[in-house]
C-alpha atoms as a PDB file:
ATOM      1  CA  MET A   1     -34.641   8.915  15.399  1.00  0.00           C
ATOM      2  CA  LYS A   2     -31.279  10.681  15.789  1.00  0.00           C
ATOM      3  CA  SER A   3     -29.653   7.528  17.139  1.00  0.00           C
ATOM      4  CA  ILE A   4     -30.949   5.518  14.177  1.00  0.00           C
ATOM      5  CA  PHE A   5     -29.643   8.152  11.765  1.00  0.00           C
ATOM      6  CA  ALA A   6     -26.238   8.124  13.489  1.00  0.00           C
ATOM      7  CA  PHE A   7     -26.096   4.337  13.301  1.00  0.00           C
ATOM      8  CA  LEU A   8     -26.917   4.372   9.589  1.00  0.00           C
ATOM      9  CA  LEU A   9     -24.260   7.026   9.001  1.00  0.00           C
ATOM     10  CA  ILE A  10     -21.603   4.942  10.764  1.00  0.00           C
ATOM     11  CA  LEU A  11     -22.685   1.850   8.854  1.00  0.00           C
ATOM     12  CA  SER A  12     -22.550   3.723   5.558  1.00  0.00           C
ATOM     13  CA  THR A  13     -19.132   5.190   6.341  1.00  0.00           C
ATOM     14  CA  GLY A  14     -17.760   1.772   7.268  1.00  0.00           C
ATOM     15  CA  PHE A  15     -19.139   0.277   4.077  1.00  0.00           C
ATOM     16  CA  CYS A  16     -17.551   2.992   1.939  1.00  0.00           C
ATOM     17  CA  PHE A  17     -14.244   2.511   3.731  1.00  0.00           C
ATOM     18  CA  SER A  18     -14.272  -1.225   3.107  1.00  0.00           C
ATOM     19  CA  GLN A  19     -15.159  -0.649  -0.520  1.00  0.00           C
ATOM     20  CA  ASN A  20     -12.192   1.710  -0.945  1.00  0.00           C
ATOM     21  CA  LYS A  21      -9.654  -0.545   0.730  1.00  0.00           C
ATOM     22  CA  THR A  22      -6.583  -1.451  -1.297  1.00  0.00           C
ATOM     23  CA  GLU A  23      -6.803  -4.886  -2.898  1.00  0.00           C
ATOM     24  CA  ILE A  24      -3.666  -6.936  -3.574  1.00  0.00           C
ATOM     25  CA  TYR A  25      -3.657  -9.930  -5.915  1.00  0.00           C
ATOM     26  CA  VAL A  26      -0.457 -11.983  -5.848  1.00  0.00           C
ATOM     27  CA  ILE A  27      -0.427 -13.998  -9.059  1.00  0.00           C
ATOM     28  CA  GLY A  28       2.149 -16.760  -9.300  1.00  0.00           C
ATOM     29  CA  ASN A  29       3.461 -17.195 -12.825  1.00  0.00           C
ATOM     30  CA  ILE A  30       5.389 -19.474 -15.119  1.00  0.00           C
ATOM     31  CA  HIS A  31       7.801 -17.059 -16.762  1.00  0.00           C
ATOM     32  CA  ASP A  32       8.133 -18.793 -20.133  1.00  0.00           C
ATOM     33  CA  SER A  33       5.247 -19.378 -22.503  1.00  0.00           C
ATOM     34  CA  VAL A  34       3.872 -22.939 -22.445  1.00  0.00           C
ATOM     35  CA  PRO A  35       0.619 -24.401 -23.828  1.00  0.00           C
ATOM     36  CA  ASN A  36      -1.221 -24.132 -20.516  1.00  0.00           C
ATOM     37  CA  TYR A  37       0.125 -20.681 -19.644  1.00  0.00           C
ATOM     38  CA  HIS A  38       0.998 -17.923 -22.069  1.00  0.00           C
ATOM     39  CA  PRO A  39       0.519 -14.129 -22.398  1.00  0.00           C
ATOM     40  CA  LYS A  40      -3.082 -14.365 -23.640  1.00  0.00           C
ATOM     41  CA  ILE A  41      -4.100 -16.384 -20.604  1.00  0.00           C
ATOM     42  CA  LEU A  42      -2.429 -13.945 -18.225  1.00  0.00           C
ATOM     43  CA  PHE A  43      -3.948 -11.002 -20.088  1.00  0.00           C
ATOM     44  CA  SER A  44      -7.411 -12.493 -19.608  1.00  0.00           C
ATOM     45  CA  ILE A  45      -6.720 -12.719 -15.871  1.00  0.00           C
ATOM     46  CA  LEU A  46      -5.581  -9.103 -15.750  1.00  0.00           C
ATOM     47  CA  ASP A  47      -8.581  -8.021 -17.781  1.00  0.00           C
ATOM     48  CA  LYS A  48     -10.869  -9.751 -15.301  1.00  0.00           C
ATOM     49  CA  VAL A  49      -9.247  -8.199 -12.225  1.00  0.00           C
ATOM     50  CA  GLN A  50      -8.682  -4.817 -13.930  1.00  0.00           C
ATOM     51  CA  PRO A  51      -5.846  -3.591 -11.684  1.00  0.00           C
ATOM     52  CA  ASP A  52      -4.887   0.058 -11.361  1.00  0.00           C
ATOM     53  CA  ILE A  53      -1.280  -0.957 -10.688  1.00  0.00           C
ATOM     54  CA  ILE A  54       0.817  -3.878 -11.941  1.00  0.00           C
ATOM     55  CA  LEU A  55       4.001  -4.810 -10.088  1.00  0.00           C
ATOM     56  CA  HIS A  56       6.763  -6.736 -11.857  1.00  0.00           C
ATOM     57  CA  GLU A  57       9.378  -9.043 -10.356  1.00  0.00           C
ATOM     58  CA  VAL A  58      12.282  -6.935 -11.588  1.00  0.00           C
ATOM     59  CA  ASP A  59      14.375  -4.128 -10.133  1.00  0.00           C
ATOM     60  CA  SER A  60      14.404  -0.555 -11.482  1.00  0.00           C
ATOM     61  CA  ARG A  61      16.943  -1.420 -14.195  1.00  0.00           C
ATOM     62  CA  GLY A  62      14.884  -4.404 -15.296  1.00  0.00           C
ATOM     63  CA  MET A  63      11.770  -2.243 -15.421  1.00  0.00           C
ATOM     64  CA  LYS A  64      13.482   0.230 -17.725  1.00  0.00           C
ATOM     65  CA  GLU A  65      14.501  -2.616 -20.022  1.00  0.00           C
ATOM     66  CA  TYR A  66      10.906  -3.826 -20.037  1.00  0.00           C
ATOM     67  CA  GLU A  67       9.623  -0.368 -20.903  1.00  0.00           C
ATOM     68  CA  ASN A  68      12.257   0.070 -23.623  1.00  0.00           C
ATOM     69  CA  GLY A  69      11.306  -3.232 -25.202  1.00  0.00           C
ATOM     70  CA  ILE A  70      14.622  -4.910 -24.368  1.00  0.00           C
ATOM     71  CA  GLY A  71      14.505  -8.633 -23.760  1.00  0.00           C
ATOM     72  CA  ILE A  72      10.732  -8.941 -23.781  1.00  0.00           C
ATOM     73  CA  THR A  73      10.166 -12.684 -23.620  1.00  0.00           C
ATOM     74  CA  GLU A  74       8.396 -13.417 -20.333  1.00  0.00           C
ATOM     75  CA  ASN A  75       4.664 -14.005 -20.051  1.00  0.00           C
ATOM     76  CA  GLU A  76       4.325 -11.257 -17.466  1.00  0.00           C
ATOM     77  CA  ILE A  77       5.649  -8.346 -19.486  1.00  0.00           C
ATOM     78  CA  LYS A  78       3.926  -9.386 -22.718  1.00  0.00           C
ATOM     79  CA  ALA A  79       0.571  -9.629 -20.942  1.00  0.00           C
ATOM     80  CA  SER A  80       1.270  -6.412 -19.050  1.00  0.00           C
ATOM     81  CA  ASN A  81       2.054  -4.560 -22.277  1.00  0.00           C
ATOM     82  CA  SER A  82      -1.203  -5.767 -23.822  1.00  0.00           C
ATOM     83  CA  TYR A  83      -3.100  -4.651 -20.744  1.00  0.00           C
ATOM     84  CA  LEU A  84      -1.404  -1.246 -20.816  1.00  0.00           C
ATOM     85  CA  GLN A  85      -2.472  -0.768 -24.437  1.00  0.00           C
ATOM     86  CA  LYS A  86      -6.095  -1.366 -23.433  1.00  0.00           C
ATOM     87  CA  TYR A  87      -5.870   0.592 -20.174  1.00  0.00           C
ATOM     88  CA  PRO A  88      -3.195   3.266 -20.735  1.00  0.00           C
ATOM     89  CA  LYS A  89      -3.678   4.861 -17.309  1.00  0.00           C
ATOM     90  CA  THR A  90      -2.384   1.721 -15.596  1.00  0.00           C
ATOM     91  CA  LEU A  91       0.685   2.267 -13.429  1.00  0.00           C
ATOM     92  CA  ARG A  92       3.575  -0.207 -13.433  1.00  0.00           C
ATOM     93  CA  PHE A  93       6.409  -0.515 -10.939  1.00  0.00           C
ATOM     94  CA  PRO A  94       9.256  -2.899 -10.077  1.00  0.00           C
ATOM     95  CA  PHE A  95       9.209  -4.554  -6.659  1.00  0.00           C
ATOM     96  CA  ASP A  96      12.241  -6.828  -6.625  1.00  0.00           C
ATOM     97  CA  PHE A  97      15.407  -6.549  -4.541  1.00  0.00           C
ATOM     98  CA  GLU A  98      17.356  -3.691  -6.097  1.00  0.00           C
ATOM     99  CA  GLY A  99      20.392  -4.858  -8.083  1.00  0.00           C
ATOM    100  CA  ARG A 100      19.603  -8.504  -7.307  1.00  0.00           C
ATOM    101  CA  ASN A 101      21.621 -10.073 -10.152  1.00  0.00           C
ATOM    102  CA  GLN A 102      24.824  -8.124  -9.549  1.00  0.00           C
ATOM    103  CA  TYR A 103      24.409  -8.500  -5.791  1.00  0.00           C
ATOM    104  CA  ARG A 104      24.421 -12.295  -6.142  1.00  0.00           C
ATOM    105  CA  LYS A 105      27.351 -12.318  -8.575  1.00  0.00           C
ATOM    106  CA  ASP A 106      29.479  -9.943  -6.490  1.00  0.00           C
ATOM    107  CA  ARG A 107      29.095 -12.145  -3.415  1.00  0.00           C
ATOM    108  CA  GLY A 108      29.654 -15.421  -5.215  1.00  0.00           C
ATOM    109  CA  MET A 109      26.152 -16.814  -4.736  1.00  0.00           C
ATOM    110  CA  VAL A 110      26.091 -17.212  -8.501  1.00  0.00           C
ATOM    111  CA  PRO A 111      27.207 -19.617  -9.898  1.00  0.00           C
ATOM    112  CA  THR A 112      27.996 -21.561  -6.693  1.00  0.00           C
ATOM    113  CA  ASP A 113      24.302 -22.270  -6.094  1.00  0.00           C
ATOM    114  CA  ASN A 114      23.745 -24.199  -9.332  1.00  0.00           C
ATOM    115  CA  LEU A 115      27.183 -25.799  -9.210  1.00  0.00           C
ATOM    116  CA  SER A 116      26.467 -27.078  -5.701  1.00  0.00           C
ATOM    117  CA  VAL A 117      23.196 -28.700  -6.723  1.00  0.00           C
ATOM    118  CA  LYS A 118      24.886 -30.298  -9.744  1.00  0.00           C
ATOM    119  CA  LEU A 119      27.605 -31.682  -7.494  1.00  0.00           C
ATOM    120  CA  ILE A 120      25.035 -33.144  -5.093  1.00  0.00           C
ATOM    121  CA  ASP A 121      23.291 -34.756  -8.050  1.00  0.00           C
ATOM    122  CA  SER A 122      26.536 -36.283  -9.327  1.00  0.00           C
ATOM    123  CA  LEU A 123      27.332 -37.644  -5.851  1.00  0.00           C
ATOM    124  CA  TYR A 124      23.829 -39.082  -5.643  1.00  0.00           C
ATOM    125  CA  LYS A 125      24.102 -40.818  -9.010  1.00  0.00           C
ATOM    126  CA  ALA A 126      27.501 -42.176  -8.045  1.00  0.00           C
ATOM    127  CA  LYS A 127      25.938 -43.509  -4.795  1.00  0.00           C
ATOM    128  CA  LYS A 128      28.435 -41.569  -2.717  1.00  0.00           C
ATOM    129  CA  LEU A 129      25.879 -39.842  -0.470  1.00  0.00           C
ATOM    130  CA  ALA A 130      25.098 -41.207   2.966  1.00  0.00           C
ATOM    131  CA  PRO A 131      21.588 -42.704   3.401  1.00  0.00           C
ATOM    132  CA  SER A 132      20.401 -39.636   5.323  1.00  0.00           C
ATOM    133  CA  GLU A 133      21.802 -37.356   2.600  1.00  0.00           C
ATOM    134  CA  MET A 134      20.143 -39.413  -0.103  1.00  0.00           C
ATOM    135  CA  LYS A 135      16.812 -39.040   1.661  1.00  0.00           C
ATOM    136  CA  LEU A 136      17.175 -35.255   1.810  1.00  0.00           C
ATOM    137  CA  TYR A 137      18.068 -35.019  -1.871  1.00  0.00           C
ATOM    138  CA  GLU A 138      15.255 -37.333  -2.930  1.00  0.00           C
ATOM    139  CA  ASN A 139      12.796 -35.231  -0.975  1.00  0.00           C
ATOM    140  CA  PHE A 140      14.009 -32.175  -2.882  1.00  0.00           C
ATOM    141  CA  THR A 141      13.767 -33.829  -6.305  1.00  0.00           C
ATOM    142  CA  ASN A 142      10.395 -35.469  -5.613  1.00  0.00           C
ATOM    143  CA  THR A 143       8.857 -32.202  -4.422  1.00  0.00           C
ATOM    144  CA  THR A 144      10.248 -30.478  -7.501  1.00  0.00           C
ATOM    145  CA  LYS A 145       8.586 -33.115  -9.697  1.00  0.00           C
ATOM    146  CA  ASP A 146       5.278 -32.596  -7.870  1.00  0.00           C
ATOM    147  CA  LEU A 147       5.403 -28.873  -8.652  1.00  0.00           C
ATOM    148  CA  MET A 148       6.347 -29.503 -12.284  1.00  0.00           C
ATOM    149  CA  LYS A 149       3.197 -31.590 -12.683  1.00  0.00           C
ATOM    150  CA  ILE A 150       1.055 -28.845 -11.135  1.00  0.00           C
ATOM    151  CA  ALA A 151       2.693 -26.289 -13.437  1.00  0.00           C
ATOM    152  CA  GLN A 152       1.222 -28.161 -16.407  1.00  0.00           C
ATOM    153  CA  LEU A 153      -2.317 -27.388 -15.233  1.00  0.00           C
ATOM    154  CA  SER A 154      -4.441 -24.220 -15.286  1.00  0.00           C
ATOM    155  CA  PRO A 155      -3.263 -21.080 -13.412  1.00  0.00           C
ATOM    156  CA  LYS A 156      -5.637 -21.666 -10.506  1.00  0.00           C
ATOM    157  CA  ASN A 157      -3.803 -24.915  -9.779  1.00  0.00           C
ATOM    158  CA  PHE A 158      -0.517 -23.137  -9.062  1.00  0.00           C
ATOM    159  CA  ASN A 159      -2.217 -20.207  -7.346  1.00  0.00           C
ATOM    160  CA  ASN A 160      -3.812 -21.718  -4.270  1.00  0.00           C
ATOM    161  CA  ALA A 161      -3.003 -22.556  -0.664  1.00  0.00           C
ATOM    162  CA  ALA A 162      -2.306 -26.243  -1.341  1.00  0.00           C
ATOM    163  CA  THR A 163       0.338 -25.478  -3.968  1.00  0.00           C
ATOM    164  CA  ASP A 164       1.760 -22.712  -1.770  1.00  0.00           C
ATOM    165  CA  GLN A 165       2.427 -25.358   0.890  1.00  0.00           C
ATOM    166  CA  ILE A 166       4.222 -27.590  -1.623  1.00  0.00           C
ATOM    167  CA  SER A 167       6.264 -24.613  -2.854  1.00  0.00           C
ATOM    168  CA  GLU A 168       7.277 -23.790   0.703  1.00  0.00           C
ATOM    169  CA  LYS A 169       8.267 -27.407   1.293  1.00  0.00           C
ATOM    170  CA  ARG A 170      10.312 -27.443  -1.901  1.00  0.00           C
ATOM    171  CA  GLN A 171      12.150 -24.201  -1.145  1.00  0.00           C
ATOM    172  CA  SER A 172      12.860 -25.350   2.393  1.00  0.00           C
ATOM    173  CA  ALA A 173      14.297 -28.552   0.940  1.00  0.00           C
ATOM    174  CA  GLN A 174      16.539 -26.533  -1.370  1.00  0.00           C
ATOM    175  CA  TYR A 175      17.825 -23.913   1.018  1.00  0.00           C
ATOM    176  CA  SER A 176      17.777 -25.853   4.275  1.00  0.00           C
ATOM    177  CA  ASP A 177      18.035 -29.575   3.543  1.00  0.00           C
ATOM    178  CA  LEU A 178      20.529 -29.319   0.684  1.00  0.00           C
ATOM    179  CA  LEU A 179      22.586 -26.942   2.809  1.00  0.00           C
ATOM    180  CA  LYS A 180      22.868 -29.701   5.426  1.00  0.00           C
ATOM    181  CA  ILE A 181      24.400 -31.971   2.792  1.00  0.00           C
ATOM    182  CA  ILE A 182      26.745 -29.240   1.579  1.00  0.00           C
ATOM    183  CA  GLU A 183      27.919 -28.282   5.060  1.00  0.00           C
ATOM    184  CA  GLY A 184      28.595 -31.903   5.956  1.00  0.00           C
ATOM    185  CA  ARG A 185      30.761 -32.899   2.999  1.00  0.00           C
ATOM    186  CA  PRO A 186      34.373 -31.924   2.170  1.00  0.00           C
ATOM    187  CA  GLU A 187      33.732 -31.754  -1.601  1.00  0.00           C
ATOM    188  CA  PHE A 188      31.967 -28.410  -1.177  1.00  0.00           C
ATOM    189  CA  THR A 189      34.798 -26.750   0.685  1.00  0.00           C
ATOM    190  CA  ALA A 190      37.406 -28.019  -1.804  1.00  0.00           C
ATOM    191  CA  ARG A 191      35.739 -26.459  -4.854  1.00  0.00           C
ATOM    192  CA  PHE A 192      35.771 -22.739  -5.574  1.00  0.00           C
ATOM    193  CA  VAL A 193      34.655 -20.063  -8.003  1.00  0.00           C
ATOM    194  CA  VAL A 194      36.250 -16.662  -8.518  1.00  0.00           C
ATOM    195  CA  LYS A 195      34.144 -13.613  -7.688  1.00  0.00           C
ATOM    196  CA  PRO A 196      34.229 -10.431  -9.822  1.00  0.00           C
ATOM    197  CA  ASN A 197      36.714  -8.905  -7.345  1.00  0.00           C
ATOM    198  CA  GLY A 198      39.169 -11.743  -8.014  1.00  0.00           C
ATOM    199  CA  LYS A 199      38.697 -13.450  -4.642  1.00  0.00           C
ATOM    200  CA  LYS A 200      37.728 -17.105  -4.361  1.00  0.00           C
ATOM    201  CA  ILE A 201      34.662 -18.480  -2.594  1.00  0.00           C
ATOM    202  CA  SER A 202      33.891 -22.119  -1.890  1.00  0.00           C
ATOM    203  CA  TYR A 203      30.752 -23.852  -3.117  1.00  0.00           C
ATOM    204  CA  ARG A 204      29.705 -24.241   0.500  1.00  0.00           C
ATOM    205  CA  ASP A 205      30.054 -20.581   1.409  1.00  0.00           C
ATOM    206  CA  GLY A 206      28.408 -19.405  -1.802  1.00  0.00           C
ATOM    207  CA  PHE A 207      25.414 -21.709  -1.391  1.00  0.00           C
ATOM    208  CA  LYS A 208      25.055 -20.682   2.241  1.00  0.00           C
ATOM    209  CA  LEU A 209      24.898 -17.033   1.182  1.00  0.00           C
ATOM    210  CA  MET A 210      22.262 -17.868  -1.424  1.00  0.00           C
ATOM    211  CA  SER A 211      20.180 -19.669   1.188  1.00  0.00           C
ATOM    212  CA  GLY A 212      20.125 -16.531   3.308  1.00  0.00           C
ATOM    213  CA  PHE A 213      19.393 -14.369   0.285  1.00  0.00           C
ATOM    214  CA  TRP A 214      16.198 -16.331  -0.408  1.00  0.00           C
ATOM    215  CA  ASP A 215      14.756 -14.943   2.829  1.00  0.00           C
ATOM    216  CA  LEU A 216      16.186 -11.453   2.360  1.00  0.00           C
ATOM    217  CA  ARG A 217      14.902 -11.150  -1.200  1.00  0.00           C
ATOM    218  CA  ASN A 218      11.354 -12.271  -0.477  1.00  0.00           C
ATOM    219  CA  GLN A 219      11.093 -10.146   2.651  1.00  0.00           C
ATOM    220  CA  THR A 220      12.356  -7.137   0.693  1.00  0.00           C
ATOM    221  CA  MET A 221       9.851  -7.754  -2.110  1.00  0.00           C
ATOM    222  CA  ALA A 222       6.983  -7.881   0.385  1.00  0.00           C
ATOM    223  CA  LYS A 223       8.144  -4.620   1.981  1.00  0.00           C
ATOM    224  CA  ASN A 224       8.298  -2.959  -1.441  1.00  0.00           C
ATOM    225  CA  ILE A 225       4.755  -4.102  -2.220  1.00  0.00           C
ATOM    226  CA  TYR A 226       3.623  -2.774   1.147  1.00  0.00           C
ATOM    227  CA  LYS A 227       5.173   0.643   0.449  1.00  0.00           C
ATOM    228  CA  ILE A 228       3.373   0.880  -2.887  1.00  0.00           C
ATOM    229  CA  ALA A 229       0.083  -0.118  -1.250  1.00  0.00           C
ATOM    230  CA  GLU A 230       0.532   2.687   1.281  1.00  0.00           C
ATOM    231  CA  THR A 231       1.472   5.195  -1.426  1.00  0.00           C
ATOM    232  CA  TYR A 232      -1.576   4.362  -3.553  1.00  0.00           C
ATOM    233  CA  PRO A 233      -4.443   3.652  -1.156  1.00  0.00           C
ATOM    234  CA  GLY A 234      -7.733   2.315  -2.441  1.00  0.00           C
ATOM    235  CA  LYS A 235      -6.259   0.827  -5.617  1.00  0.00           C
ATOM    236  CA  LYS A 236      -6.273  -2.645  -7.106  1.00  0.00           C
ATOM    237  CA  ILE A 237      -2.718  -3.941  -7.224  1.00  0.00           C
ATOM    238  CA  VAL A 238      -1.632  -7.056  -9.100  1.00  0.00           C
ATOM    239  CA  VAL A 239       1.719  -8.544  -8.154  1.00  0.00           C
ATOM    240  CA  LEU A 240       3.257 -10.700 -10.890  1.00  0.00           C
ATOM    241  CA  THR A 241       5.821 -13.116  -9.496  1.00  0.00           C
ATOM    242  CA  GLY A 242       7.183 -16.594 -10.079  1.00  0.00           C
ATOM    243  CA  PHE A 243       4.844 -19.013  -8.341  1.00  0.00           C
ATOM    244  CA  LEU A 244       7.625 -20.360  -6.115  1.00  0.00           C
ATOM    245  CA  HIS A 245       7.788 -16.912  -4.489  1.00  0.00           C
ATOM    246  CA  ARG A 246       4.022 -16.673  -3.923  1.00  0.00           C
ATOM    247  CA  TYR A 247       3.817 -18.449  -0.570  1.00  0.00           C
ATOM    248  CA  TYR A 248       6.582 -16.329   0.954  1.00  0.00           C
ATOM    249  CA  ILE A 249       5.256 -13.009  -0.328  1.00  0.00           C
ATOM    250  CA  LEU A 250       1.723 -13.799   0.854  1.00  0.00           C
ATOM    251  CA  LYS A 251       2.989 -14.839   4.269  1.00  0.00           C
ATOM    252  CA  GLU A 252       5.011 -11.632   4.636  1.00  0.00           C
ATOM    253  CA  LEU A 253       2.214  -9.386   3.363  1.00  0.00           C
ATOM    254  CA  LYS A 254      -0.157 -10.885   5.919  1.00  0.00           C
ATOM    255  CA  ARG A 255       2.415 -10.491   8.677  1.00  0.00           C
ATOM    256  CA  ILE A 256       3.195  -6.815   8.062  1.00  0.00           C
ATOM    257  CA  ASN A 257      -0.334  -5.711   7.148  1.00  0.00           C
ATOM    258  CA  ASN A 258      -1.626  -3.044   9.515  1.00  0.00           C
ATOM    259  CA  GLY A 259      -5.032  -2.904   7.880  1.00  0.00           C
ATOM    260  CA  THR A 260      -3.764  -1.082   4.788  1.00  0.00           C
ATOM    261  CA  TYR A 261      -4.951  -3.715   2.323  1.00  0.00           C
ATOM    262  CA  ILE A 262      -6.844  -6.923   1.762  1.00  0.00           C
ATOM    263  CA  ILE A 263      -5.405  -9.882  -0.146  1.00  0.00           C
ATOM    264  CA  LYS A 264      -7.560 -11.541  -2.798  1.00  0.00           C
ATOM    265  CA  GLU A 265      -7.278 -14.298  -5.410  1.00  0.00           C
ATOM    266  CA  PHE A 266      -7.881 -13.538  -9.076  1.00  0.00           C
ATOM    267  CA  TYR A 267     -10.459 -16.322  -9.349  1.00  0.00           C
ATOM    268  CA  ASP A 268     -12.618 -15.225  -6.388  1.00  0.00           C
END
């Protein structure tokens, strides 16, 4: 009888522990309001999940601007504000790379990243790219088009493993394949921008820095989410991010998880 009682006690304790485990929902978003995705739709998702904590893809400065009502245009903050009105005890935190915008400007990643892609496109249209370079660029543009089509569907369509794989393929094409084109052509070393400190940086060097920052930023975001999960055990946490980041954040959260949390989808 004692052994049965002990077994039931262990089973009950394990069940309670599993019930109290932190849940993380990484929701990939389209930032701007469109017919198939707008604040009311995101609010309905939040209302279904009923998170205790909402994490926003901004740094601490961006979070203050959100809270002060400055520049409120994105789906995420509008839906989050509506949710906070209904559930005022909800906690909200930033989880992005701290000072991300200035960090990129100071190092010349911006605007060299966009300028580099525009230059590749102009070379492509002028038929000046080598066949192998054309293939790399076409892979990038075709994968981008595939994601744009998915983004016109319901939220579940851009929040699943299949779309995560396409997003990973697209980002790899941007930051790895396009970099191969840039590193192999003289046009990208002959063009420069001036950084805030007055020093020049070539398109090639700036784009290369941005390629590395893609990894650093996503890894940092995942670490920040992990820290919050450890600080607030047993809570439901919703992470609101652009859906192109979703695959990377999920991969990192799974890699660094030591049993602190479980990862769930909002539609499960």
